[in-house]
Protein backbone atom coordinates (compact mmCIF):
# COMPACT_ATOMS: atom_id res chain seq x y z
CA MET A 1 158.52 116.68 119.13
CA ARG A 2 156.16 118.73 121.35
CA ILE A 3 153.73 121.23 119.82
CA PRO A 4 153.80 124.63 121.52
CA ARG A 5 150.74 125.44 123.63
CA ASN A 6 149.71 128.38 121.44
CA SER A 7 149.89 126.06 118.40
CA LYS A 8 147.39 123.70 120.08
CA SER A 9 145.02 126.61 120.63
CA LEU A 10 145.38 127.59 116.99
CA CYS A 11 144.49 124.05 115.86
CA ILE A 12 141.40 124.08 118.05
CA LEU A 13 140.32 127.46 116.66
CA LEU A 14 140.86 126.26 113.10
CA SER A 15 138.77 123.16 113.80
CA PHE A 16 135.88 125.26 115.11
CA ALA A 17 136.19 127.58 112.12
CA PHE A 18 135.03 124.75 109.80
CA ILE A 19 131.78 124.17 111.71
CA PRO A 20 129.73 127.20 110.44
CA PRO A 21 130.41 126.49 106.73
CA LEU A 22 129.55 122.83 107.30
CA LEU A 23 126.25 123.75 108.96
CA LEU A 24 125.53 126.15 106.11
CA ILE A 25 126.07 123.40 103.54
CA ILE A 26 123.78 121.00 105.44
CA ILE A 27 121.02 123.63 105.68
CA LEU A 28 121.39 124.49 101.99
CA VAL A 29 121.13 120.84 100.90
CA ASN A 30 117.95 120.35 102.91
CA TYR A 31 116.47 123.59 101.62
CA LEU A 32 117.00 122.84 97.95
CA ASN A 33 114.16 121.42 95.95
CA GLU A 34 114.62 117.72 95.14
CA SER A 35 115.16 118.45 91.46
CA MET A 36 117.97 120.94 92.30
CA ARG A 37 120.04 118.56 94.38
CA ILE A 38 123.28 116.98 93.30
CA CYS A 39 122.81 113.35 92.28
CA LEU A 40 124.94 110.45 91.17
CA PRO A 41 124.69 109.53 87.45
CA PHE A 42 124.31 105.78 88.06
CA SER A 43 121.98 103.34 89.79
CA LEU A 44 122.46 102.35 93.44
CA SER A 45 119.47 99.99 93.59
CA ARG A 46 121.64 96.88 93.87
CA LEU A 47 123.33 98.31 96.96
CA SER A 48 120.44 100.05 98.67
CA ASN A 49 116.96 101.04 97.47
CA THR A 50 116.89 103.92 99.93
CA ALA A 51 120.22 105.28 98.75
CA HIS A 52 119.12 104.84 95.13
CA GLN A 53 115.91 106.81 95.67
CA HIS A 54 117.68 109.71 97.41
CA LEU A 55 121.03 109.93 95.64
CA SER A 56 120.78 108.51 92.14
CA CYS A 57 119.83 110.68 89.14
CA SER A 58 118.32 107.56 87.57
CA SER A 59 115.81 107.23 90.37
CA THR A 60 112.74 107.85 88.26
CA TYR A 61 109.89 106.27 90.09
CA TYR A 62 108.18 106.83 93.39
CA SER A 63 108.47 104.36 96.20
CA PRO A 64 105.30 104.29 98.30
CA ASN A 65 107.37 103.16 101.26
CA SER A 66 109.14 106.49 101.37
CA ASN A 67 108.16 108.83 104.19
CA SER A 68 109.46 111.93 102.48
CA ASP A 69 106.96 114.58 101.44
CA SER A 70 109.31 116.17 98.90
CA ARG A 71 109.67 113.61 96.15
CA ARG A 72 111.25 114.05 92.77
CA PRO A 73 108.53 114.51 90.16
CA TYR A 74 108.41 112.15 87.23
CA SER A 75 108.74 114.74 84.54
CA THR A 76 109.51 118.43 84.36
CA ASN A 77 108.56 118.98 80.73
CA LEU A 78 104.88 118.07 80.81
CA LYS A 79 102.72 120.64 79.04
CA GLY A 80 99.13 121.82 79.17
CA ILE A 81 97.00 120.27 81.88
CA MET A 82 100.04 118.48 83.28
CA ALA A 83 101.40 121.83 84.42
CA ASP A 84 98.26 122.41 86.49
CA LEU A 85 99.50 120.26 89.36
CA PRO A 86 99.91 122.59 92.36
CA SER A 87 103.31 123.07 93.94
CA SER A 88 103.73 121.92 97.52
CA ASN A 89 104.38 125.47 98.66
CA SER A 90 101.40 127.13 96.99
CA ASN A 91 100.14 129.92 99.17
CA SER A 92 97.13 129.66 101.40
CA ASN A 93 95.61 132.79 99.89
CA ASP A 94 95.57 131.00 96.54
CA HIS A 95 93.67 128.15 98.17
CA ALA A 96 91.18 130.52 99.73
CA ASN A 97 90.60 132.18 96.37
CA GLY A 98 90.12 128.85 94.62
CA ILE A 99 93.22 129.26 92.49
CA GLY A 100 95.02 126.07 93.51
CA ASN A 101 96.14 124.52 90.25
CA GLY A 102 94.71 127.16 87.96
CA VAL A 103 91.23 125.60 87.93
CA SER A 104 88.31 127.80 88.98
CA GLU A 105 86.66 126.24 91.99
CA GLY A 106 83.06 125.04 91.77
CA GLN A 107 80.49 123.95 94.34
CA LEU A 108 81.79 120.39 94.36
CA ALA A 109 85.37 121.57 94.94
CA SER A 110 84.21 123.83 97.79
CA PHE A 111 82.65 120.79 99.45
CA LEU A 112 85.85 118.77 99.01
CA ARG A 113 88.03 121.55 100.40
CA ALA A 114 85.80 122.08 103.44
CA GLN A 115 85.51 118.35 104.18
CA LYS A 116 89.26 117.90 103.84
CA LYS A 117 89.98 120.70 106.34
CA ASN A 118 87.35 119.53 108.82
CA PHE A 119 88.44 115.90 108.58
CA LEU A 120 92.13 116.66 109.11
CA ASP A 121 91.32 119.02 111.98
CA ASP A 122 89.17 116.35 113.66
CA LEU A 123 91.82 113.69 113.05
CA LYS A 124 94.55 115.85 114.58
CA GLY A 125 92.29 116.71 117.52
CA GLY A 126 91.35 113.10 118.21
CA GLN A 127 87.71 113.73 117.26
CA ALA A 128 87.43 111.76 114.02
CA ASP A 129 84.75 109.40 115.31
CA GLY A 130 81.78 109.48 112.95
CA TRP A 131 83.70 110.13 109.73
CA THR A 132 83.43 107.76 106.75
CA VAL A 133 86.27 107.59 104.23
CA PHE A 134 85.27 106.59 100.69
CA MET A 135 88.01 105.21 98.47
CA GLY A 136 88.54 103.54 95.12
CA ASN A 137 91.17 100.94 94.31
CA GLU A 138 94.93 101.48 94.33
CA ALA A 139 95.19 101.73 90.52
CA GLY A 140 93.79 105.26 90.80
CA ASP A 141 91.98 105.38 87.47
CA LEU A 142 89.27 107.94 86.69
CA ASP A 143 86.50 105.50 87.58
CA SER A 144 87.92 105.06 91.10
CA ILE A 145 88.42 108.79 91.64
CA ALA A 146 85.02 109.84 90.27
CA SER A 147 83.17 107.06 92.11
CA SER A 148 84.80 107.85 95.47
CA ILE A 149 84.09 111.59 95.10
CA GLY A 150 80.54 110.86 93.93
CA ASP A 151 79.77 108.38 96.70
CA ALA A 152 81.16 110.72 99.38
CA TYR A 153 79.30 113.80 98.11
CA LEU A 154 75.98 112.07 97.53
CA SER A 155 76.14 110.16 100.84
CA SER A 156 76.83 113.41 102.67
CA SER A 157 73.97 115.10 100.82
CA PHE A 158 71.27 112.47 101.17
CA LEU A 159 72.11 110.35 104.23
CA PRO A 160 72.04 112.22 107.57
CA SER A 161 74.26 109.61 109.25
CA LEU A 162 76.95 110.18 106.61
CA LYS A 163 77.23 113.98 106.66
CA LYS A 164 80.86 113.53 107.67
CA SER A 165 82.03 111.80 104.48
CA ILE A 166 85.22 112.37 102.53
CA PRO A 167 86.88 110.73 99.50
CA LEU A 168 90.48 109.52 99.84
CA ILE A 169 92.47 109.41 96.59
CA LEU A 170 95.04 106.62 96.94
CA THR A 171 97.37 108.02 94.27
CA PRO A 172 99.99 110.26 95.95
CA GLN A 173 99.50 113.87 94.87
CA VAL A 174 102.90 114.10 93.17
CA LEU A 175 101.98 111.11 90.98
CA MET A 176 98.70 112.51 89.68
CA THR A 177 100.58 113.57 86.53
CA LEU A 178 100.97 109.91 85.54
CA ARG A 179 97.29 109.89 84.58
CA PRO A 180 96.68 113.07 82.56
CA GLU A 181 93.16 111.94 81.68
CA ASN A 182 92.31 112.23 85.40
CA LEU A 183 93.63 115.78 85.47
CA LEU A 184 91.58 116.65 82.40
CA ALA A 185 88.36 115.28 83.91
CA LEU A 186 89.01 117.08 87.21
CA LYS A 187 89.65 120.30 85.33
CA LEU A 188 86.40 119.93 83.37
CA SER A 189 84.66 119.39 86.72
CA SER A 190 86.24 122.54 88.27
CA ILE A 191 88.12 120.56 90.90
CA PRO A 192 91.60 121.89 91.77
CA ILE A 193 93.97 119.09 92.71
CA ASP A 194 94.70 120.55 96.13
CA THR A 195 91.09 120.06 97.24
CA LEU A 196 91.63 116.27 97.22
CA LEU A 197 92.86 114.23 100.17
CA HIS A 198 95.77 111.79 99.66
CA PRO A 199 97.21 109.19 102.09
CA GLU A 200 100.51 111.05 102.54
CA GLN A 201 98.56 114.02 103.91
CA LEU A 202 97.10 112.01 106.79
CA PRO A 203 98.59 112.91 110.21
CA ILE A 204 98.42 109.26 111.30
CA PRO A 205 99.23 105.97 109.54
CA PRO A 206 96.34 104.53 107.48
CA THR A 207 96.30 101.46 109.74
CA ASP A 208 95.32 103.71 112.68
CA LEU A 209 92.28 105.26 110.99
CA SER A 210 89.87 102.60 112.22
CA SER A 211 91.09 102.92 115.82
CA ALA A 212 90.32 106.65 115.52
CA GLY A 213 86.65 105.75 114.93
CA ILE A 214 86.69 106.08 111.15
CA LYS A 215 84.65 103.77 108.93
CA PHE A 216 85.13 102.99 105.25
CA GLY A 217 83.11 103.00 102.06
CA LEU A 218 84.55 101.11 99.09
CA VAL A 219 84.00 101.79 95.41
CA ASP A 220 85.57 100.07 92.41
CA HIS A 221 86.81 97.24 94.66
CA ASN A 222 85.12 95.20 97.37
CA LYS A 223 87.80 94.23 99.87
CA LEU A 224 89.57 96.72 102.14
CA LEU A 225 93.24 97.05 101.23
CA PRO A 226 95.78 95.69 103.76
CA GLN A 227 97.27 99.12 104.52
CA PHE A 228 93.99 100.08 106.22
CA GLY A 229 94.05 97.17 108.65
CA ALA A 230 90.88 95.51 109.86
CA GLY A 231 88.68 98.56 109.45
CA GLU A 232 84.88 98.50 109.42
CA VAL A 233 83.41 98.71 105.92
CA THR A 234 79.84 100.03 105.86
CA SER A 235 79.34 100.49 102.11
CA ILE A 236 80.45 98.74 98.91
CA ILE A 237 79.53 99.71 95.35
CA ASP A 238 81.58 97.80 92.77
CA HIS A 239 81.70 96.09 89.38
CA HIS A 240 84.50 93.57 90.06
CA ASP A 241 84.10 89.91 91.00
CA ASP A 242 82.90 89.53 94.57
CA GLU A 243 85.70 88.64 96.99
CA HIS A 244 83.07 87.85 99.66
CA ALA A 245 84.53 90.23 102.24
CA HIS A 246 82.60 92.61 104.53
CA THR A 247 79.35 90.72 104.04
CA ASP A 248 77.81 92.72 106.91
CA ALA A 249 78.16 96.07 105.10
CA SER A 250 74.85 97.95 105.19
CA ILE A 251 75.19 98.83 101.49
CA ARG A 252 76.62 96.04 99.36
CA GLU A 253 75.95 96.43 95.66
CA ILE A 254 78.26 94.43 93.39
CA THR A 255 77.06 94.16 89.80
CA VAL A 256 79.10 92.17 87.29
CA PRO A 257 79.40 92.92 84.45
CA THR A 258 79.12 96.69 84.42
CA GLY A 259 81.35 98.95 82.36
CA SER A 260 81.90 101.63 85.00
CA CYS A 261 81.54 101.76 88.78
CA ALA A 262 80.44 105.38 88.37
CA SER A 263 77.29 104.04 86.69
CA LEU A 264 76.47 102.01 89.81
CA VAL A 265 77.09 104.99 92.12
CA THR A 266 74.70 107.01 89.95
CA LYS A 267 72.14 104.21 89.99
CA HIS A 268 72.30 103.91 93.78
CA PHE A 269 71.49 107.59 94.35
CA GLN A 270 69.40 108.28 91.23
CA SER A 271 65.96 108.35 92.84
CA ARG A 272 67.06 110.77 95.57
CA TRP A 273 68.96 112.86 93.02
CA LYS A 274 65.89 113.00 90.77
CA ASP A 275 63.80 114.29 93.68
CA THR A 276 66.07 117.34 93.97
CA LEU A 277 65.48 118.13 90.29
CA SER A 278 61.71 118.37 90.61
CA SER A 279 62.04 120.68 93.62
CA SER A 280 64.74 122.82 91.99
CA SER A 281 62.44 123.72 89.09
CA SER A 282 60.22 125.68 91.50
CA PHE A 283 62.98 127.89 92.94
CA THR A 284 62.32 131.59 92.56
CA SER A 285 65.55 132.86 94.08
CA THR A 286 69.18 131.89 94.56
CA GLN A 287 68.60 131.91 98.33
CA GLU A 288 65.89 129.28 98.03
CA GLN A 289 68.17 127.17 95.86
CA GLU A 290 70.99 127.38 98.39
CA GLN A 291 68.63 126.32 101.19
CA GLU A 292 67.79 123.12 99.32
CA GLN A 293 70.32 120.45 98.38
CA VAL A 294 71.01 120.81 94.65
CA ILE A 295 73.65 118.49 93.23
CA PRO A 296 76.19 120.51 91.22
CA ALA A 297 76.61 119.97 87.49
CA GLU A 298 80.32 119.36 88.08
CA LEU A 299 79.56 116.04 89.78
CA ALA A 300 77.43 114.87 86.87
CA THR A 301 80.28 115.86 84.53
CA LEU A 302 82.87 113.93 86.57
CA LEU A 303 80.78 110.74 86.82
CA LEU A 304 79.88 110.96 83.14
CA SER A 305 83.55 111.33 82.17
CA ALA A 306 84.39 108.14 84.07
CA ILE A 307 81.59 106.24 82.34
CA LEU A 308 82.72 107.45 78.92
CA ILE A 309 86.38 106.49 79.34
CA ASP A 310 85.54 103.06 80.80
CA THR A 311 83.01 102.18 78.09
CA THR A 312 84.85 103.80 75.14
CA GLY A 313 82.12 106.38 74.75
CA LEU A 314 79.24 103.90 75.22
CA ARG A 315 80.30 102.26 71.99
CA PRO A 316 78.31 99.10 71.15
CA GLY A 317 80.20 95.83 71.48
CA ARG A 318 82.56 97.17 74.16
CA LYS A 319 82.01 97.15 77.93
CA ALA A 320 78.85 99.26 78.25
CA THR A 321 75.82 97.57 79.83
CA SER A 322 72.24 98.72 80.36
CA ASP A 323 73.26 100.30 83.68
CA ASP A 324 75.92 102.37 81.91
CA TYR A 325 73.51 103.62 79.25
CA ALA A 326 70.89 104.45 81.90
CA ALA A 327 73.38 106.32 84.11
CA ALA A 328 74.80 108.30 81.19
CA SER A 329 71.27 109.18 80.02
CA PHE A 330 70.47 110.53 83.47
CA LEU A 331 73.75 112.41 83.97
CA TYR A 332 74.16 114.07 80.59
CA PRO A 333 71.39 116.71 80.83
CA LEU A 334 72.56 117.51 84.37
CA SER A 335 76.18 117.98 83.39
CA SER A 336 78.05 121.13 82.45
CA LEU A 337 78.43 119.62 78.97
CA ALA A 338 74.71 119.87 78.28
CA LEU A 339 74.33 123.20 80.05
CA ASN A 340 77.14 124.81 78.07
CA SER A 341 76.44 123.19 74.72
CA ASN A 342 75.08 125.34 71.91
CA SER A 343 75.04 122.50 69.40
CA ASN A 344 71.98 120.54 68.32
CA SER A 345 72.82 116.84 68.58
CA LYS A 346 70.75 113.96 67.35
CA SER A 347 69.53 113.33 70.87
CA ASN A 348 68.14 116.86 71.15
CA SER A 349 66.04 116.32 68.05
CA ASN A 350 64.48 113.24 69.64
CA SER A 351 64.04 114.72 73.11
CA SER A 352 60.31 115.34 72.75
CA SER A 353 59.66 111.62 72.60
CA SER A 354 62.00 110.64 75.40
CA SER A 355 61.14 109.99 79.02
CA PRO A 356 60.92 113.29 80.88
CA GLY A 357 63.43 114.57 83.37
CA VAL A 358 64.51 118.01 84.40
CA ASN A 359 68.00 119.51 84.33
CA PRO A 360 69.15 121.99 87.01
CA ASN A 361 67.65 124.86 85.02
CA GLY A 362 64.32 123.11 84.85
CA ASN A 363 64.10 123.09 81.07
CA GLY A 364 65.75 119.88 79.87
CA HIS A 365 64.93 116.24 79.30
CA ILE A 366 66.57 112.91 79.98
CA VAL A 367 67.17 111.16 76.68
CA GLU A 368 67.42 107.38 76.87
CA PHE A 369 70.61 106.59 74.97
CA SER A 370 70.22 103.72 72.56
CA THR A 371 72.44 100.68 73.06
CA ASP A 372 73.27 100.76 69.36
CA GLY A 373 74.97 104.14 69.88
CA SER A 374 72.77 105.88 67.34
CA ASN A 375 71.76 108.81 69.54
CA ILE A 376 74.89 109.52 71.59
CA PRO A 377 75.33 113.34 71.55
CA GLU A 378 78.25 114.67 69.55
CA ASP A 379 79.76 116.46 72.53
CA LEU A 380 79.94 113.15 74.44
CA THR A 381 81.73 111.56 71.50
CA ALA A 382 84.12 114.50 71.37
CA LEU A 383 84.79 114.27 75.11
CA THR A 384 85.47 110.54 74.83
CA GLU A 385 88.02 111.13 72.09
CA ASN A 386 89.66 113.89 74.14
CA LEU A 387 89.89 111.69 77.25
CA GLN A 388 91.16 108.68 75.29
CA THR A 389 93.76 110.73 73.39
CA THR A 390 94.98 112.27 76.63
CA LYS A 391 95.12 108.86 78.32
CA MET A 392 97.09 107.27 75.49
CA ASP A 393 99.74 110.01 75.35
CA VAL A 394 102.43 108.41 77.49
CA SER A 395 105.35 109.52 75.35
CA THR A 396 107.07 111.34 78.22
CA LEU A 397 106.89 108.44 80.68
CA THR A 398 109.72 106.03 81.43
CA THR A 399 109.26 102.28 81.86
CA PRO A 400 108.96 102.43 85.68
CA GLN A 401 106.41 105.24 85.37
CA LEU A 402 104.39 103.28 82.81
CA LEU A 403 104.35 100.29 85.16
CA LEU A 404 103.24 102.42 88.10
CA ARG A 405 100.50 104.56 86.51
CA ASP A 406 97.85 101.79 86.53
CA TYR A 407 99.08 99.22 89.02
CA LYS A 408 97.59 96.71 91.47
CA GLU A 409 99.13 94.13 93.81
CA TYR A 410 97.96 90.62 94.63
CA SER A 411 99.06 87.60 96.67
CA LEU A 412 99.55 84.19 95.06
CA PRO A 413 99.28 81.20 97.44
CA THR A 414 101.58 78.31 96.47
CA SER A 415 102.16 74.73 97.58
CA SER A 416 105.88 75.39 98.12
CA SER A 417 107.22 75.38 101.68
CA SER A 418 110.01 77.70 100.52
CA PHE A 419 107.64 80.43 99.40
CA PRO A 420 104.04 79.77 100.52
CA THR A 421 102.94 83.17 99.16
CA LEU A 422 104.26 85.17 96.22
CA LYS A 423 103.73 88.90 95.67
CA ILE A 424 102.36 89.77 92.22
CA GLY A 425 102.07 93.18 90.57
CA LEU A 426 99.89 93.77 87.51
CA SER A 427 100.39 96.92 85.42
CA THR A 428 98.05 97.97 82.63
CA VAL A 429 99.85 100.13 80.06
CA PRO A 430 98.25 101.99 77.10
CA LEU A 431 101.15 101.27 74.75
CA GLY A 432 102.04 98.38 72.47
CA LEU A 433 105.22 96.53 73.39
CA LYS A 434 106.82 97.08 69.97
CA LYS A 435 106.57 100.87 70.31
CA TRP A 436 107.53 100.62 73.96
CA LEU A 437 110.82 98.88 73.13
CA LEU A 438 111.68 101.66 70.68
CA LYS A 439 111.66 104.06 73.65
CA GLU A 440 114.33 101.97 75.38
CA SER A 441 117.99 102.73 74.69
CA GLU A 442 118.88 99.03 74.41
CA GLY A 443 115.52 97.61 73.41
CA PHE A 444 114.36 94.58 75.35
CA GLU A 445 117.57 94.44 77.42
CA SER A 446 117.03 97.84 79.03
CA PHE A 447 113.26 97.19 79.23
CA LEU A 448 113.87 94.05 81.27
CA LYS A 449 116.46 95.85 83.42
CA SER A 450 113.92 98.60 84.21
CA VAL A 451 111.22 96.04 85.03
CA ASP A 452 113.67 94.23 87.32
CA GLY A 453 114.52 97.48 89.12
CA TYR A 454 110.82 98.21 89.55
CA MET A 455 110.26 94.74 90.99
CA VAL A 456 113.17 95.13 93.40
CA ASP A 457 111.77 98.44 94.63
CA LYS A 458 108.30 96.98 95.20
CA THR A 459 109.67 93.63 96.50
CA LEU A 460 107.71 91.80 93.80
CA ASP A 461 108.24 88.16 92.91
CA ILE A 462 106.12 88.35 89.74
CA GLU A 463 105.23 91.31 87.54
CA GLY A 464 102.57 91.13 84.85
CA VAL A 465 102.53 93.76 82.10
CA LEU A 466 99.18 94.09 80.32
CA THR A 467 99.37 96.33 77.27
CA SER A 468 96.22 97.83 75.73
CA PHE A 469 96.38 99.85 72.52
CA ASN A 470 95.02 100.41 69.01
CA ASN A 471 97.07 99.20 66.08
CA ALA A 472 97.71 101.12 62.85
CA GLU A 473 94.31 100.05 61.51
CA GLY A 474 92.58 101.34 64.65
CA LYS A 475 91.81 97.86 65.97
CA HIS A 476 92.06 97.28 69.72
CA ARG A 477 94.87 94.92 70.74
CA ARG A 478 96.27 93.51 73.99
CA GLU A 479 99.52 91.80 74.98
CA LEU A 480 100.66 90.07 78.15
CA ALA A 481 104.17 89.75 79.56
CA ILE A 482 105.03 87.86 82.76
CA VAL A 483 108.38 88.37 84.52
CA VAL A 484 109.55 86.26 87.48
CA ARG A 485 112.36 87.60 89.68
CA SER A 486 114.79 85.57 91.72
CA GLY A 487 116.70 86.98 94.66
CA GLY A 488 113.67 87.61 96.85
CA VAL A 489 111.60 84.79 98.35
CA ILE A 490 112.33 82.91 95.11
CA LYS A 491 115.99 82.28 95.79
CA THR A 492 117.44 80.88 92.58
CA PRO A 493 116.96 81.33 88.81
CA GLU A 494 116.05 77.66 88.61
CA GLU A 495 113.16 78.15 91.05
CA ALA A 496 112.09 81.25 89.13
CA HIS A 497 111.97 79.26 85.90
CA LYS A 498 109.79 76.57 87.54
CA VAL A 499 107.36 79.23 88.75
CA LEU A 500 107.26 80.77 85.27
CA GLU A 501 106.49 77.38 83.70
CA GLU A 502 103.60 76.85 86.13
CA LEU A 503 102.20 80.29 85.31
CA LYS A 504 102.62 79.60 81.60
CA ARG A 505 100.63 76.36 81.85
CA GLY A 506 97.82 78.05 83.73
CA LEU A 507 97.57 81.11 81.48
CA GLU A 508 97.84 79.23 78.20
CA GLY A 509 95.34 76.70 79.53
CA SER A 510 92.73 79.43 80.00
CA GLY A 511 91.56 78.86 76.44
CA ASP A 512 89.29 81.54 74.98
CA ILE A 513 89.40 83.64 78.13
CA LEU A 514 92.74 85.09 76.97
CA ASP A 515 93.49 83.21 73.72
CA LEU A 516 97.26 83.61 74.09
CA LYS A 517 99.69 83.27 71.21
CA LYS A 518 103.46 83.76 71.09
CA TRP A 519 104.51 87.41 70.74
CA ASP A 520 106.72 87.84 67.67
CA LYS A 521 106.16 91.46 66.65
CA ASP A 522 109.90 92.02 66.38
CA VAL A 523 110.28 89.29 63.73
CA ALA A 524 110.58 90.78 60.21
CA LYS A 525 107.20 91.05 58.45
CA ASP A 526 108.65 89.91 55.12
CA SER A 527 109.75 86.60 56.60
CA THR A 528 108.07 83.49 55.28
CA LYS A 529 105.79 81.53 57.58
CA ALA A 530 108.51 78.90 58.05
CA GLU A 531 111.07 81.60 58.86
CA VAL A 532 108.78 83.24 61.39
CA THR A 533 108.21 79.88 63.07
CA ALA A 534 111.95 79.27 63.23
CA SER A 535 112.91 82.82 64.21
CA ALA A 536 113.25 83.68 67.87
CA SER A 537 111.86 86.87 69.30
CA VAL A 538 114.29 88.92 71.37
CA TRP A 539 112.52 88.10 74.62
CA GLU A 540 113.09 84.37 74.13
CA SER A 541 116.77 84.70 75.00
CA HIS A 542 115.46 85.57 78.48
CA GLY A 543 112.84 82.82 78.41
CA ASP A 544 113.95 81.51 81.79
CA VAL A 545 112.47 84.60 83.51
CA VAL A 546 109.98 86.13 81.05
CA MET A 547 107.13 85.10 78.75
CA VAL A 548 105.38 87.39 76.25
CA TRP A 549 102.13 86.69 74.41
CA LYS A 550 99.73 88.33 72.00
CA GLN A 551 96.28 88.23 73.58
CA GLY A 552 93.69 87.08 71.04
CA ASN A 553 90.75 88.03 73.25
CA ALA A 554 91.18 91.80 73.57
CA LYS A 555 88.05 92.07 75.73
CA SER A 556 89.76 90.36 78.67
CA THR A 557 91.34 92.89 81.03
CA ARG A 558 93.13 92.70 84.37
CA LYS A 559 89.77 91.63 85.83
CA GLN A 560 90.13 88.35 83.94
CA VAL A 561 93.93 87.96 84.18
CA ALA A 562 94.21 88.45 87.95
CA PRO A 563 91.94 85.53 88.96
CA LEU A 564 93.88 83.21 86.63
CA LEU A 565 97.12 84.14 88.42
CA VAL A 566 96.06 84.28 92.06
CA SER A 567 93.55 81.42 92.26
CA ASP A 568 94.57 78.36 94.24
């Protein structure tokens, strides 16, 4: 049967009539904020990681391989300082007025904002030669952030060849909420989040930075990360074991042990910094002060915050060393804490007998903090408690977010021809495993499923979970879980089990370094000793792919665990 000619024309017109609504729908979908989009209420990770990240409602963690600048945030119900993270479409007038994330902008933040603009302009214009990028490690803790900001600012201030210096914060901006203690310290230091430079804001891939003439300064690690290629490293200040890379760096200061890298940054610049204090006491006008380089109190506050959180408030018997006590003693009277404090601490009462030093107002003293903790000012103790409490509040975070918030990757060389190198991730989490499992809908089953999904997304062969927490009696405890995944370079479950057994032998053979014992916190407390020995913990039913231990030596951190895993 033939269709009349006018009917054919009608069909064509009807077909074209559907095009405008279709275009409208496409435009609307792209315009909507990520959190407003329609999503599928199930996981797609087994089919496609890309599809899972973009279409699944259960996509709850960020993939660093994604090129999208509009990523779904981890949580929309975070309160207080968590709400200070700036939106991606905050207006430029807000930036100019220092509003940003609701934090009033100080001298340090003004430097960061100006350097960020100048650096990006030079990079876009092909004129980045002469810039030095200072960066901490990929875990993005407060020590890394404070040390990179401190090294960049002080290098620019005191070293003429490094005027063009800028810190690069490796944590993507949308993930800064995973570490609320960082946000708190930045807020106390009057640094709006949008003044900081993050890798996703670079107009070129990180691997191309060195070819653009950019050099690197490393803090809180001593080997340039692979994503930055074979760049030239001119400066290293660190407190981790020496990896013997970049031995030709003009500044190479690696001091182990030291509680905080920020202490070493302070130590490196202390003599120059002290010179500015003696000259600042003779200023008679604001104009004279502006003509001279005076280090802002906000920087001292930021560095001091990092030292406090890494040394548990300079508490004796923890990680603080003489360098940490000396740096904190120098920084405290220069910080906004001392300038704004109206209280009379123990240290103030002893200040007349301490070694002299001058604060920015020219009327203070440097008090040498005692290693027994007897003269630590009360406001430093209060700040430590505030930072620690903020850090430990991870109640809103999911398992993938907990794994990501303090995460590093390593390579494990093997003797196997099937997989000569394995990719290991190590996550430090401020939560005991027993409480963690209570957050999971199906306990250990859903915990392991979430860990597996995280490993798939990051193409990991091995994931180590290092918990760090205080028990009900306030005693510090650590646990260690190792998960081996098959389906990647480890092809079969049998191969995965062999790898796990090798790791088990090495870790348990470390003796007092870790002092590992079987984790059995889910076994009833009222069981007899014989019953506990006979009872199986829930993880043991998955013993072919996972091992969980209590760590007797709570002083051993990822710094000690990583070498045990990745050494030949």
